[in-house]
All heavy atoms as atom14 arrays in JSON, in Angstrom:
{
  "sequence": "EIVKLDVQRAVYGTAPQRRRRPEPQSVMQGVAPSAEKRLAI",
  "atom14_mask": [
    [1, 1, 1, 1, 1, 1, 1, 1, 1, 0, 0, 0, 0, 0],
    [1, 1, 1, 1, 1, 1, 1, 1, 0, 0, 0, 0, 0, 0],
    [1, 1, 1, 1, 1, 1, 1, 0, 0, 0, 0, 0, 0, 0],
    [1, 1, 1, 1, 1, 1, 1, 1, 1, 0, 0, 0, 0, 0],
    [1, 1, 1, 1, 1, 1, 1, 1, 0, 0, 0, 0, 0, 0],
    [1, 1, 1, 1, 1, 1, 1, 1, 0, 0, 0, 0, 0, 0],
    [1, 1, 1, 1, 1, 1, 1, 0, 0, 0, 0, 0, 0, 0],
    [1, 1, 1, 1, 1, 1, 1, 1, 1, 0, 0, 0, 0, 0],
    [1, 1, 1, 1, 1, 1, 1, 1, 1, 1, 1, 0, 0, 0],
    [1, 1, 1, 1, 1, 0, 0, 0, 0, 0, 0, 0, 0, 0],
    [1, 1, 1, 1, 1, 1, 1, 0, 0, 0, 0, 0, 0, 0],
    [1, 1, 1, 1, 1, 1, 1, 1, 1, 1, 1, 1, 0, 0],
    [1, 1, 1, 1, 0, 0, 0, 0, 0, 0, 0, 0, 0, 0],
    [1, 1, 1, 1, 1, 1, 1, 0, 0, 0, 0, 0, 0, 0],
    [1, 1, 1, 1, 1, 0, 0, 0, 0, 0, 0, 0, 0, 0],
    [1, 1, 1, 1, 1, 1, 1, 0, 0, 0, 0, 0, 0, 0],
    [1, 1, 1, 1, 1, 1, 1, 1, 1, 0, 0, 0, 0, 0],
    [1, 1, 1, 1, 1, 1, 1, 1, 1, 1, 1, 0, 0, 0],
    [1, 1, 1, 1, 1, 1, 1, 1, 1, 1, 1, 0, 0, 0],
    [1, 1, 1, 1, 1, 1, 1, 1, 1, 1, 1, 0, 0, 0],
    [1, 1, 1, 1, 1, 1, 1, 1, 1, 1, 1, 0, 0, 0],
    [1, 1, 1, 1, 1, 1, 1, 0, 0, 0, 0, 0, 0, 0],
    [1, 1, 1, 1, 1, 1, 1, 1, 1, 0, 0, 0, 0, 0],
    [1, 1, 1, 1, 1, 1, 1, 0, 0, 0, 0, 0, 0, 0],
    [1, 1, 1, 1, 1, 1, 1, 1, 1, 0, 0, 0, 0, 0],
    [1, 1, 1, 1, 1, 1, 0, 0, 0, 0, 0, 0, 0, 0],
    [1, 1, 1, 1, 1, 1, 1, 0, 0, 0, 0, 0, 0, 0],
    [1, 1, 1, 1, 1, 1, 1, 1, 0, 0, 0, 0, 0, 0],
    [1, 1, 1, 1, 1, 1, 1, 1, 1, 0, 0, 0, 0, 0],
    [1, 1, 1, 1, 0, 0, 0, 0, 0, 0, 0, 0, 0, 0],
    [1, 1, 1, 1, 1, 1, 1, 0, 0, 0, 0, 0, 0, 0],
    [1, 1, 1, 1, 1, 0, 0, 0, 0, 0, 0, 0, 0, 0],
    [1, 1, 1, 1, 1, 1, 1, 0, 0, 0, 0, 0, 0, 0],
    [1, 1, 1, 1, 1, 1, 0, 0, 0, 0, 0, 0, 0, 0],
    [1, 1, 1, 1, 1, 0, 0, 0, 0, 0, 0, 0, 0, 0],
    [1, 1, 1, 1, 1, 1, 1, 1, 1, 0, 0, 0, 0, 0],
    [1, 1, 1, 1, 1, 1, 1, 1, 1, 0, 0, 0, 0, 0],
    [1, 1, 1, 1, 1, 1, 1, 1, 1, 1, 1, 0, 0, 0],
    [1, 1, 1, 1, 1, 1, 1, 1, 0, 0, 0, 0, 0, 0],
    [1, 1, 1, 1, 1, 0, 0, 0, 0, 0, 0, 0, 0, 0],
    [1, 1, 1, 1, 1, 1, 1, 1, 0, 0, 0, 0, 0, 0]
  ],
  "atom14_positions": [
    [[-24.38, 50.27, 62.63], [-23.72, 51.44, 63.21], [-22.64, 51.9, 62.24], [-21.69, 51.15, 61.96], [-23.1, 51.11, 64.56], [-22.37, 52.3, 65.17], [-21.44, 51.9, 66.29], [-21.69, 50.85, 66.91], [-20.44, 52.62, 66.52], [0.0, 0.0, 0.0], [0.0, 0.0, 0.0], [0.0, 0.0, 0.0], [0.0, 0.0, 0.0], [0.0, 0.0, 0.0]],
    [[-22.75, 53.08, 61.73], [-21.8, 53.59, 60.76], [-20.67, 54.33, 61.48], [-20.78, 54.7, 62.65], [-22.49, 54.54, 59.76], [-23.06, 55.76, 60.5], [-23.56, 53.8, 58.99], [-23.59, 56.82, 59.58], [0.0, 0.0, 0.0], [0.0, 0.0, 0.0], [0.0, 0.0, 0.0], [0.0, 0.0, 0.0], [0.0, 0.0, 0.0], [0.0, 0.0, 0.0]],
    [[-19.58, 54.52, 60.76], [-18.44, 55.27, 61.28], [-18.61, 56.72, 60.84], [-18.66, 57.02, 59.65], [-17.12, 54.7, 60.76], [-15.95, 55.54, 61.26], [-16.96, 53.27, 61.2], [0.0, 0.0, 0.0], [0.0, 0.0, 0.0], [0.0, 0.0, 0.0], [0.0, 0.0, 0.0], [0.0, 0.0, 0.0], [0.0, 0.0, 0.0], [0.0, 0.0, 0.0]],
    [[-18.72, 57.6, 61.81], [-18.84, 59.03, 61.52], [-17.86, 59.75, 62.43], [-18.12, 59.97, 63.62], [-20.26, 59.52, 61.74], [-20.5, 60.94, 61.23], [-21.95, 61.32, 61.3], [-22.18, 62.71, 60.72], [-23.61, 63.11, 60.79], [0.0, 0.0, 0.0], [0.0, 0.0, 0.0], [0.0, 0.0, 0.0], [0.0, 0.0, 0.0], [0.0, 0.0, 0.0]],
    [[-16.71, 60.12, 61.88], [-15.62, 60.7, 62.66], [-15.22, 62.03, 62.05], [-15.08, 62.15, 60.83], [-14.41, 59.74, 62.68], [-13.15, 60.23, 63.37], [-13.38, 60.37, 64.86], [-12.0, 59.28, 63.1], [0.0, 0.0, 0.0], [0.0, 0.0, 0.0], [0.0, 0.0, 0.0], [0.0, 0.0, 0.0], [0.0, 0.0, 0.0], [0.0, 0.0, 0.0]],
    [[-15.02, 63.03, 62.91], [-14.51, 64.31, 62.47], [-12.99, 64.19, 62.4], [-12.29, 64.24, 63.42], [-14.92, 65.42, 63.45], [-14.62, 66.81, 62.9], [-13.86, 66.9, 61.91], [-15.13, 67.79, 63.44], [0.0, 0.0, 0.0], [0.0, 0.0, 0.0], [0.0, 0.0, 0.0], [0.0, 0.0, 0.0], [0.0, 0.0, 0.0], [0.0, 0.0, 0.0]],
    [[-12.47, 63.98, 61.21], [-11.04, 63.76, 61.04], [-10.25, 64.99, 61.48], [-9.18, 64.88, 62.09], [-10.73, 63.38, 59.57], [-9.24, 63.21, 59.37], [-11.47, 62.11, 59.19], [0.0, 0.0, 0.0], [0.0, 0.0, 0.0], [0.0, 0.0, 0.0], [0.0, 0.0, 0.0], [0.0, 0.0, 0.0], [0.0, 0.0, 0.0], [0.0, 0.0, 0.0]],
    [[-10.75, 66.16, 61.18], [-10.05, 67.39, 61.57], [-9.91, 67.49, 63.09], [-8.85, 67.83, 63.6], [-10.83, 68.6, 61.05], [-10.08, 69.92, 61.12], [-9.15, 70.11, 59.94], [-9.09, 69.23, 59.08], [-8.43, 71.19, 59.9], [0.0, 0.0, 0.0], [0.0, 0.0, 0.0], [0.0, 0.0, 0.0], [0.0, 0.0, 0.0], [0.0, 0.0, 0.0]],
    [[-10.96, 67.15, 63.81], [-10.9, 67.23, 65.27], [-10.03, 66.12, 65.84], [-9.33, 66.3, 66.85], [-12.31, 67.15, 65.85], [-12.37, 67.39, 67.35], [-13.81, 67.27, 67.84], [-14.67, 68.28, 67.23], [-14.79, 69.51, 67.7], [-14.11, 69.91, 68.76], [-15.59, 70.36, 67.1], [0.0, 0.0, 0.0], [0.0, 0.0, 0.0], [0.0, 0.0, 0.0]],
    [[-10.07, 64.92, 65.23], [-9.28, 63.81, 65.75], [-7.79, 64.04, 65.56], [-6.97, 63.65, 66.4], [-9.71, 62.51, 65.07], [0.0, 0.0, 0.0], [0.0, 0.0, 0.0], [0.0, 0.0, 0.0], [0.0, 0.0, 0.0], [0.0, 0.0, 0.0], [0.0, 0.0, 0.0], [0.0, 0.0, 0.0], [0.0, 0.0, 0.0], [0.0, 0.0, 0.0]],
    [[-7.4, 64.68, 64.46], [-5.98, 64.87, 64.17], [-5.43, 66.1, 64.86], [-4.37, 66.07, 65.48], [-5.77, 64.95, 62.64], [-4.33, 65.31, 62.32], [-6.13, 63.63, 61.99], [0.0, 0.0, 0.0], [0.0, 0.0, 0.0], [0.0, 0.0, 0.0], [0.0, 0.0, 0.0], [0.0, 0.0, 0.0], [0.0, 0.0, 0.0], [0.0, 0.0, 0.0]],
    [[-6.16, 67.21, 64.79], [-5.64, 68.47, 65.3], [-6.2, 68.86, 66.66], [-5.74, 69.83, 67.26], [-5.95, 69.6, 64.31], [-5.36, 69.37, 62.95], [-6.16, 69.02, 61.88], [-3.98, 69.47, 62.75], [-5.62, 68.79, 60.61], [-3.43, 69.25, 61.5], [-4.25, 68.91, 60.44], [-3.71, 68.69, 59.21], [0.0, 0.0, 0.0], [0.0, 0.0, 0.0]],
    [[-7.21, 68.14, 67.18], [-7.78, 68.46, 68.47], [-8.9, 69.46, 68.41], [-9.7, 69.54, 69.33], [0.0, 0.0, 0.0], [0.0, 0.0, 0.0], [0.0, 0.0, 0.0], [0.0, 0.0, 0.0], [0.0, 0.0, 0.0], [0.0, 0.0, 0.0], [0.0, 0.0, 0.0], [0.0, 0.0, 0.0], [0.0, 0.0, 0.0], [0.0, 0.0, 0.0]],
    [[-8.99, 70.23, 67.37], [-10.06, 71.21, 67.2], [-10.59, 71.13, 65.78], [-9.97, 70.49, 64.92], [-9.56, 72.65, 67.47], [-8.48, 72.94, 66.57], [-9.08, 72.8, 68.9], [0.0, 0.0, 0.0], [0.0, 0.0, 0.0], [0.0, 0.0, 0.0], [0.0, 0.0, 0.0], [0.0, 0.0, 0.0], [0.0, 0.0, 0.0], [0.0, 0.0, 0.0]],
    [[-11.69, 71.77, 65.57], [-12.28, 71.83, 64.23], [-12.28, 73.28, 63.78], [-13.25, 74.01, 64.01], [-13.7, 71.26, 64.23], [0.0, 0.0, 0.0], [0.0, 0.0, 0.0], [0.0, 0.0, 0.0], [0.0, 0.0, 0.0], [0.0, 0.0, 0.0], [0.0, 0.0, 0.0], [0.0, 0.0, 0.0], [0.0, 0.0, 0.0], [0.0, 0.0, 0.0]],
    [[-11.2, 73.76, 63.19], [-11.16, 75.17, 62.79], [-12.16, 75.46, 61.68], [-12.51, 74.6, 60.88], [-9.73, 75.35, 62.29], [-9.29, 73.98, 61.89], [-9.99, 73.03, 62.8], [0.0, 0.0, 0.0], [0.0, 0.0, 0.0], [0.0, 0.0, 0.0], [0.0, 0.0, 0.0], [0.0, 0.0, 0.0], [0.0, 0.0, 0.0], [0.0, 0.0, 0.0]],
    [[-12.62, 76.69, 61.67], [-13.56, 77.11, 60.65], [-12.86, 77.22, 59.31], [-11.69, 77.6, 59.22], [-14.2, 78.45, 61.02], [-15.0, 78.42, 62.32], [-15.59, 79.77, 62.63], [-15.34, 80.74, 61.91], [-16.37, 79.83, 63.69], [0.0, 0.0, 0.0], [0.0, 0.0, 0.0], [0.0, 0.0, 0.0], [0.0, 0.0, 0.0], [0.0, 0.0, 0.0]],
    [[-13.6, 76.87, 58.29], [-13.05, 76.97, 56.94], [-13.1, 78.42, 56.48], [-14.17, 79.02, 56.43], [-13.83, 76.08, 55.98], [-13.71, 74.6, 56.29], [-14.5, 73.78, 55.3], [-14.36, 72.36, 55.55], [-13.39, 71.6, 55.06], [-12.44, 72.16, 54.3], [-13.34, 70.31, 55.33], [0.0, 0.0, 0.0], [0.0, 0.0, 0.0], [0.0, 0.0, 0.0]],
    [[-11.95, 78.94, 56.16], [-11.88, 80.33, 55.69], [-11.6, 80.35, 54.2], [-10.73, 79.63, 53.71], [-10.78, 81.08, 56.43], [-11.02, 81.22, 57.94], [-9.89, 82.0, 58.58], [-8.6, 81.36, 58.35], [-7.43, 81.9, 58.69], [-7.39, 83.1, 59.24], [-6.31, 81.25, 58.46], [0.0, 0.0, 0.0], [0.0, 0.0, 0.0], [0.0, 0.0, 0.0]],
    [[-12.32, 81.14, 53.52], [-12.13, 81.28, 52.08], [-11.01, 82.27, 51.82], [-11.02, 83.38, 52.33], [-13.42, 81.77, 51.42], [-13.31, 81.88, 49.9], [-14.63, 82.32, 49.31], [-14.54, 82.46, 47.88], [-14.7, 81.47, 47.02], [-14.96, 80.27, 47.47], [-14.6, 81.67, 45.72], [0.0, 0.0, 0.0], [0.0, 0.0, 0.0], [0.0, 0.0, 0.0]],
    [[-10.02, 81.84, 51.05], [-8.89, 82.7, 50.73], [-9.36, 83.83, 49.83], [-10.05, 83.62, 48.83], [-7.79, 81.9, 50.03], [-7.2, 80.8, 50.9], [-6.18, 79.97, 50.16], [-5.01, 80.78, 49.81], [-4.63, 81.03, 48.58], [-5.33, 80.57, 47.57], [-3.56, 81.75, 48.34], [0.0, 0.0, 0.0], [0.0, 0.0, 0.0], [0.0, 0.0, 0.0]],
    [[-9.01, 85.08, 50.16], [-9.45, 86.22, 49.32], [-8.8, 86.14, 47.95], [-7.67, 85.7, 47.78], [-8.96, 87.44, 50.12], [-7.84, 86.93, 50.94], [-8.17, 85.51, 51.29], [0.0, 0.0, 0.0], [0.0, 0.0, 0.0], [0.0, 0.0, 0.0], [0.0, 0.0, 0.0], [0.0, 0.0, 0.0], [0.0, 0.0, 0.0], [0.0, 0.0, 0.0]],
    [[-9.55, 86.59, 46.98], [-9.05, 86.6, 45.62], [-7.96, 87.68, 45.49], [-8.14, 88.82, 45.92], [-10.17, 86.9, 44.63], [-11.24, 85.82, 44.59], [-10.7, 84.55, 44.01], [-9.7, 84.61, 43.25], [-11.26, 83.48, 44.32], [0.0, 0.0, 0.0], [0.0, 0.0, 0.0], [0.0, 0.0, 0.0], [0.0, 0.0, 0.0], [0.0, 0.0, 0.0]],
    [[-6.78, 87.36, 44.94], [-5.72, 88.37, 44.81], [-6.09, 89.42, 43.77], [-6.71, 89.13, 42.75], [-4.51, 87.53, 44.37], [-5.1, 86.33, 43.71], [-6.38, 86.04, 44.44], [0.0, 0.0, 0.0], [0.0, 0.0, 0.0], [0.0, 0.0, 0.0], [0.0, 0.0, 0.0], [0.0, 0.0, 0.0], [0.0, 0.0, 0.0], [0.0, 0.0, 0.0]],
    [[-5.69, 90.64, 44.07], [-5.94, 91.74, 43.14], [-4.98, 91.7, 41.97], [-5.27, 92.22, 40.9], [-5.82, 93.08, 43.88], [-6.81, 93.23, 45.03], [-8.25, 93.18, 44.56], [-8.56, 93.62, 43.46], [-9.12, 92.61, 45.39], [0.0, 0.0, 0.0], [0.0, 0.0, 0.0], [0.0, 0.0, 0.0], [0.0, 0.0, 0.0], [0.0, 0.0, 0.0]],
    [[-3.79, 91.1, 42.18], [-2.81, 90.99, 41.1], [-2.06, 89.69, 41.3], [-2.23, 88.98, 42.3], [-1.84, 92.18, 41.12], [-1.09, 92.2, 42.32], [0.0, 0.0, 0.0], [0.0, 0.0, 0.0], [0.0, 0.0, 0.0], [0.0, 0.0, 0.0], [0.0, 0.0, 0.0], [0.0, 0.0, 0.0], [0.0, 0.0, 0.0], [0.0, 0.0, 0.0]],
    [[-1.22, 89.36, 40.34], [-0.45, 88.12, 40.43], [0.55, 88.19, 41.57], [0.8, 87.2, 42.28], [0.26, 87.86, 39.09], [1.1, 86.59, 39.17], [-0.76, 87.77, 37.97], [0.0, 0.0, 0.0], [0.0, 0.0, 0.0], [0.0, 0.0, 0.0], [0.0, 0.0, 0.0], [0.0, 0.0, 0.0], [0.0, 0.0, 0.0], [0.0, 0.0, 0.0]],
    [[1.14, 89.33, 41.85], [2.14, 89.46, 42.89], [1.53, 89.37, 44.28], [2.22, 89.03, 45.24], [2.87, 90.8, 42.74], [3.62, 90.95, 41.42], [4.85, 89.64, 41.17], [5.95, 90.0, 42.53], [0.0, 0.0, 0.0], [0.0, 0.0, 0.0], [0.0, 0.0, 0.0], [0.0, 0.0, 0.0], [0.0, 0.0, 0.0], [0.0, 0.0, 0.0]],
    [[0.24, 89.67, 44.43], [-0.37, 89.62, 45.74], [-0.82, 88.21, 46.15], [-1.13, 87.98, 47.31], [-1.58, 90.56, 45.78], [-1.22, 92.03, 45.64], [-2.46, 92.9, 45.68], [-3.56, 92.41, 45.88], [-2.26, 94.2, 45.5], [0.0, 0.0, 0.0], [0.0, 0.0, 0.0], [0.0, 0.0, 0.0], [0.0, 0.0, 0.0], [0.0, 0.0, 0.0]],
    [[-0.87, 87.27, 45.23], [-1.31, 85.92, 45.56], [-0.23, 85.16, 46.31], [0.96, 85.24, 46.0], [0.0, 0.0, 0.0], [0.0, 0.0, 0.0], [0.0, 0.0, 0.0], [0.0, 0.0, 0.0], [0.0, 0.0, 0.0], [0.0, 0.0, 0.0], [0.0, 0.0, 0.0], [0.0, 0.0, 0.0], [0.0, 0.0, 0.0], [0.0, 0.0, 0.0]],
    [[-0.62, 84.39, 47.32], [0.27, 83.58, 48.13], [-0.09, 82.12, 47.91], [-1.26, 81.74, 48.02], [0.17, 83.95, 49.62], [1.12, 83.09, 50.45], [0.47, 85.42, 49.82], [0.0, 0.0, 0.0], [0.0, 0.0, 0.0], [0.0, 0.0, 0.0], [0.0, 0.0, 0.0], [0.0, 0.0, 0.0], [0.0, 0.0, 0.0], [0.0, 0.0, 0.0]],
    [[0.91, 81.31, 47.6], [0.67, 79.9, 47.33], [0.25, 79.18, 48.61], [0.7, 79.54, 49.71], [1.93, 79.25, 46.76], [0.0, 0.0, 0.0], [0.0, 0.0, 0.0], [0.0, 0.0, 0.0], [0.0, 0.0, 0.0], [0.0, 0.0, 0.0], [0.0, 0.0, 0.0], [0.0, 0.0, 0.0], [0.0, 0.0, 0.0], [0.0, 0.0, 0.0]],
    [[-0.59, 78.15, 48.51], [-0.97, 77.41, 49.72], [0.22, 76.78, 50.42], [0.23, 76.67, 51.64], [-1.94, 76.35, 49.18], [-2.46, 76.92, 47.9], [-1.34, 77.73, 47.33], [0.0, 0.0, 0.0], [0.0, 0.0, 0.0], [0.0, 0.0, 0.0], [0.0, 0.0, 0.0], [0.0, 0.0, 0.0], [0.0, 0.0, 0.0], [0.0, 0.0, 0.0]],
    [[1.25, 76.33, 49.66], [2.43, 75.75, 50.29], [3.17, 76.78, 51.14], [3.69, 76.46, 52.22], [3.37, 75.19, 49.22], [3.75, 76.21, 48.31], [0.0, 0.0, 0.0], [0.0, 0.0, 0.0], [0.0, 0.0, 0.0], [0.0, 0.0, 0.0], [0.0, 0.0, 0.0], [0.0, 0.0, 0.0], [0.0, 0.0, 0.0], [0.0, 0.0, 0.0]],
    [[3.21, 78.04, 50.69], [3.84, 79.08, 51.49], [3.05, 79.37, 52.76], [3.63, 79.62, 53.82], [4.0, 80.35, 50.65], [0.0, 0.0, 0.0], [0.0, 0.0, 0.0], [0.0, 0.0, 0.0], [0.0, 0.0, 0.0], [0.0, 0.0, 0.0], [0.0, 0.0, 0.0], [0.0, 0.0, 0.0], [0.0, 0.0, 0.0], [0.0, 0.0, 0.0]],
    [[1.73, 79.34, 52.66], [0.9, 79.53, 53.84], [1.12, 78.41, 54.85], [1.23, 78.66, 56.07], [-0.57, 79.6, 53.45], [-0.95, 80.86, 52.69], [-2.44, 80.91, 52.42], [-3.12, 79.9, 52.71], [-2.92, 81.94, 51.94], [0.0, 0.0, 0.0], [0.0, 0.0, 0.0], [0.0, 0.0, 0.0], [0.0, 0.0, 0.0], [0.0, 0.0, 0.0]],
    [[1.21, 77.16, 54.39], [1.45, 76.05, 55.3], [2.83, 76.16, 55.94], [2.99, 75.91, 57.14], [1.32, 74.73, 54.54], [1.53, 73.5, 55.41], [1.59, 72.24, 54.6], [0.27, 71.96, 53.93], [0.29, 70.66, 53.2], [0.0, 0.0, 0.0], [0.0, 0.0, 0.0], [0.0, 0.0, 0.0], [0.0, 0.0, 0.0], [0.0, 0.0, 0.0]],
    [[3.84, 76.56, 55.17], [5.18, 76.7, 55.72], [5.21, 77.78, 56.8], [5.82, 77.59, 57.87], [6.16, 77.05, 54.59], [7.62, 77.07, 55.01], [8.49, 77.3, 53.79], [9.89, 77.14, 54.12], [10.66, 78.09, 54.6], [10.14, 79.3, 54.83], [11.93, 77.87, 54.88], [0.0, 0.0, 0.0], [0.0, 0.0, 0.0], [0.0, 0.0, 0.0]],
    [[4.55, 78.89, 56.57], [4.52, 79.95, 57.56], [3.76, 79.51, 58.81], [4.15, 79.85, 59.94], [3.87, 81.2, 56.96], [3.81, 82.45, 57.87], [5.21, 82.87, 58.3], [3.1, 83.59, 57.16], [0.0, 0.0, 0.0], [0.0, 0.0, 0.0], [0.0, 0.0, 0.0], [0.0, 0.0, 0.0], [0.0, 0.0, 0.0], [0.0, 0.0, 0.0]],
    [[2.71, 78.74, 58.64], [1.95, 78.25, 59.8], [2.8, 77.31, 60.64], [2.74, 77.32, 61.88], [0.68, 77.55, 59.32], [0.0, 0.0, 0.0], [0.0, 0.0, 0.0], [0.0, 0.0, 0.0], [0.0, 0.0, 0.0], [0.0, 0.0, 0.0], [0.0, 0.0, 0.0], [0.0, 0.0, 0.0], [0.0, 0.0, 0.0], [0.0, 0.0, 0.0]],
    [[3.63, 76.46, 60.0], [4.51, 75.56, 60.75], [5.56, 76.34, 61.52], [5.86, 76.04, 62.68], [5.15, 74.55, 59.78], [4.08, 73.63, 59.19], [6.22, 73.72, 60.48], [4.59, 72.75, 58.08], [0.0, 0.0, 0.0], [0.0, 0.0, 0.0], [0.0, 0.0, 0.0], [0.0, 0.0, 0.0], [0.0, 0.0, 0.0], [0.0, 0.0, 0.0]]
  ]
}
């Protein structure tokens, strides 16, 4: 019997869909992943 666990669902309660970050049109339009995480918190 192997261990098969959805870590995303176990930690957060749900399994959100993976969204692909859009490619920025310029350097100023790009948002760092750390800034996105901070805003989400």
